[in-house]
Amino acid sequence: MTDADIVHDEDSPATKVSDWKGAALKQGGVTIGRARVRGPNKRPRKEQVAIRYSPDVLAAFRATGRGWQTRMNDALREWLKTQQAA
């Protein structure tokens, strides 16, 4: 079912982002998390692409923990600097 397939009336109005502010995610009556809303993209904007890397390269970056994609981007940027200087 898509959003277009859902009929919204006074008994089931469409929700807004503000409706979910502070919402708690519960499972079996136990709070397991809080609903979060993603903020605006940070500067500079990045472009999403599909790319394939060798498993060992991905494993090495992923092993460094959260932020591995940013570190990979920084490593590629540094490599570009060395290529432009040559």
C-alpha atoms as a PDB file:
ATOM      1  CA  MET A   1       0.000   0.000   0.000  1.00  0.00           C
ATOM      2  CA  THR A   2       1.318   3.459  -0.836  1.00  0.00           C
ATOM      3  CA  ASP A   3       0.499   6.816   0.752  1.00  0.00           C
ATOM      4  CA  ALA A   4      -1.755   7.540  -2.228  1.00  0.00           C
ATOM      5  CA  ASP A   5      -3.796   4.421  -1.441  1.00  0.00           C
ATOM      6  CA  ILE A   6      -4.569   5.581   2.107  1.00  0.00           C
ATOM      7  CA  VAL A   7      -7.798   7.506   2.540  1.00  0.00           C
ATOM      8  CA  HIS A   8      -7.401  10.278   5.106  1.00  0.00           C
ATOM      9  CA  ASP A   9     -10.521  11.598   6.799  1.00  0.00           C
ATOM     10  CA  GLU A  10     -11.310  13.131  10.195  1.00  0.00           C
ATOM     11  CA  ASP A  11     -11.001   9.686  11.808  1.00  0.00           C
ATOM     12  CA  SER A  12      -7.587   9.006  10.253  1.00  0.00           C
ATOM     13  CA  PRO A  13      -5.899  12.308   9.372  1.00  0.00           C
ATOM     14  CA  ALA A  14      -2.481  12.443   7.740  1.00  0.00           C
ATOM     15  CA  THR A  15       0.256  12.926  10.324  1.00  0.00           C
ATOM     16  CA  LYS A  16       2.868  15.669  10.352  1.00  0.00           C
ATOM     17  CA  VAL A  17       6.469  15.514  11.525  1.00  0.00           C
ATOM     18  CA  SER A  18       5.505  17.525  14.607  1.00  0.00           C
ATOM     19  CA  ASP A  19       2.972  14.826  15.574  1.00  0.00           C
ATOM     20  CA  TRP A  20       5.851  12.418  16.223  1.00  0.00           C
ATOM     21  CA  LYS A  21       8.036  14.737  18.331  1.00  0.00           C
ATOM     22  CA  GLY A  22       8.882  12.954  21.579  1.00  0.00           C
ATOM     23  CA  ALA A  23       7.126   9.720  20.587  1.00  0.00           C
ATOM     24  CA  ALA A  24       8.359   6.602  22.400  1.00  0.00           C
ATOM     25  CA  LEU A  25       8.903   3.292  20.620  1.00  0.00           C
ATOM     26  CA  LYS A  26       7.636   0.463  22.802  1.00  0.00           C
ATOM     27  CA  GLN A  27       7.739  -3.294  22.574  1.00  0.00           C
ATOM     28  CA  GLY A  28       5.832  -5.353  25.109  1.00  0.00           C
ATOM     29  CA  GLY A  29       5.236  -2.227  27.198  1.00  0.00           C
ATOM     30  CA  VAL A  30       8.963  -1.515  27.451  1.00  0.00           C
ATOM     31  CA  THR A  31      10.378   1.667  25.907  1.00  0.00           C
ATOM     32  CA  ILE A  32      13.050   0.630  23.414  1.00  0.00           C
ATOM     33  CA  GLY A  33      13.769   3.985  21.830  1.00  0.00           C
ATOM     34  CA  ARG A  34      12.536   7.388  20.830  1.00  0.00           C
ATOM     35  CA  ALA A  35      11.319   8.525  17.429  1.00  0.00           C
ATOM     36  CA  ARG A  36      13.841  10.819  15.765  1.00  0.00           C
ATOM     37  CA  VAL A  37      13.402  13.198  12.890  1.00  0.00           C
ATOM     38  CA  ARG A  38      16.301  13.679  10.558  1.00  0.00           C
ATOM     39  CA  GLY A  39      17.430  17.267  10.289  1.00  0.00           C
ATOM     40  CA  PRO A  40      18.396  19.142   7.164  1.00  0.00           C
ATOM     41  CA  ASN A  41      21.446  18.016   5.183  1.00  0.00           C
ATOM     42  CA  LYS A  42      24.705  19.454   6.415  1.00  0.00           C
ATOM     43  CA  ARG A  43      27.039  21.535   4.266  1.00  0.00           C
ATOM     44  CA  PRO A  44      28.623  20.722   1.894  1.00  0.00           C
ATOM     45  CA  ARG A  45      25.964  18.620   0.257  1.00  0.00           C
ATOM     46  CA  LYS A  46      27.014  15.167  -0.828  1.00  0.00           C
ATOM     47  CA  GLU A  47      25.814  13.174  -3.804  1.00  0.00           C
ATOM     48  CA  GLN A  48      24.417   9.683  -3.328  1.00  0.00           C
ATOM     49  CA  VAL A  49      25.828   7.099  -5.734  1.00  0.00           C
ATOM     50  CA  ALA A  50      25.962   3.332  -6.048  1.00  0.00           C
ATOM     51  CA  ILE A  51      29.537   2.064  -6.124  1.00  0.00           C
ATOM     52  CA  ARG A  52      31.256  -1.264  -5.522  1.00  0.00           C
ATOM     53  CA  TYR A  53      34.319  -1.678  -3.288  1.00  0.00           C
ATOM     54  CA  SER A  54      36.365  -4.765  -2.506  1.00  0.00           C
ATOM     55  CA  PRO A  55      35.133  -6.590   0.599  1.00  0.00           C
ATOM     56  CA  ASP A  56      38.487  -6.145   2.367  1.00  0.00           C
ATOM     57  CA  VAL A  57      38.415  -2.359   1.825  1.00  0.00           C
ATOM     58  CA  LEU A  58      34.877  -2.099   3.195  1.00  0.00           C
ATOM     59  CA  ALA A  59      35.691  -4.366   6.137  1.00  0.00           C
ATOM     60  CA  ALA A  60      38.708  -2.245   7.064  1.00  0.00           C
ATOM     61  CA  PHE A  61      36.718   1.004   7.057  1.00  0.00           C
ATOM     62  CA  ARG A  62      33.678  -0.513   8.792  1.00  0.00           C
ATOM     63  CA  ALA A  63      35.953  -1.915  11.510  1.00  0.00           C
ATOM     64  CA  THR A  64      36.792   1.660  12.508  1.00  0.00           C
ATOM     65  CA  GLY A  65      33.224   2.130  13.821  1.00  0.00           C
ATOM     66  CA  ARG A  66      30.659   4.870  13.357  1.00  0.00           C
ATOM     67  CA  GLY A  67      31.619   7.484  10.812  1.00  0.00           C
ATOM     68  CA  TRP A  68      33.462   5.048   8.566  1.00  0.00           C
ATOM     69  CA  GLN A  69      31.852   6.509   5.439  1.00  0.00           C
ATOM     70  CA  THR A  70      33.054   9.995   6.349  1.00  0.00           C
ATOM     71  CA  ARG A  71      36.553   8.635   6.963  1.00  0.00           C
ATOM     72  CA  MET A  72      36.450   6.877   3.589  1.00  0.00           C
ATOM     73  CA  ASN A  73      35.410  10.157   1.943  1.00  0.00           C
ATOM     74  CA  ASP A  74      38.272  11.968   3.711  1.00  0.00           C
ATOM     75  CA  ALA A  75      40.769   9.305   2.593  1.00  0.00           C
ATOM     76  CA  LEU A  76      39.642   9.683  -1.023  1.00  0.00           C
ATOM     77  CA  ARG A  77      39.900  13.472  -0.750  1.00  0.00           C
ATOM     78  CA  GLU A  78      43.471  13.158   0.579  1.00  0.00           C
ATOM     79  CA  TRP A  79      44.370  10.816  -2.280  1.00  0.00           C
ATOM     80  CA  LEU A  80      43.015  13.383  -4.760  1.00  0.00           C
ATOM     81  CA  LYS A  81      45.281  16.049  -3.259  1.00  0.00           C
ATOM     82  CA  THR A  82      48.342  13.862  -3.822  1.00  0.00           C
ATOM     83  CA  GLN A  83      47.323  13.222  -7.445  1.00  0.00           C
ATOM     84  CA  GLN A  84      46.757  16.898  -8.214  1.00  0.00           C
ATOM     85  CA  ALA A  85      50.121  17.881  -6.717  1.00  0.00           C
ATOM     86  CA  ALA A  86      51.981  15.376  -8.914  1.00  0.00           C
END
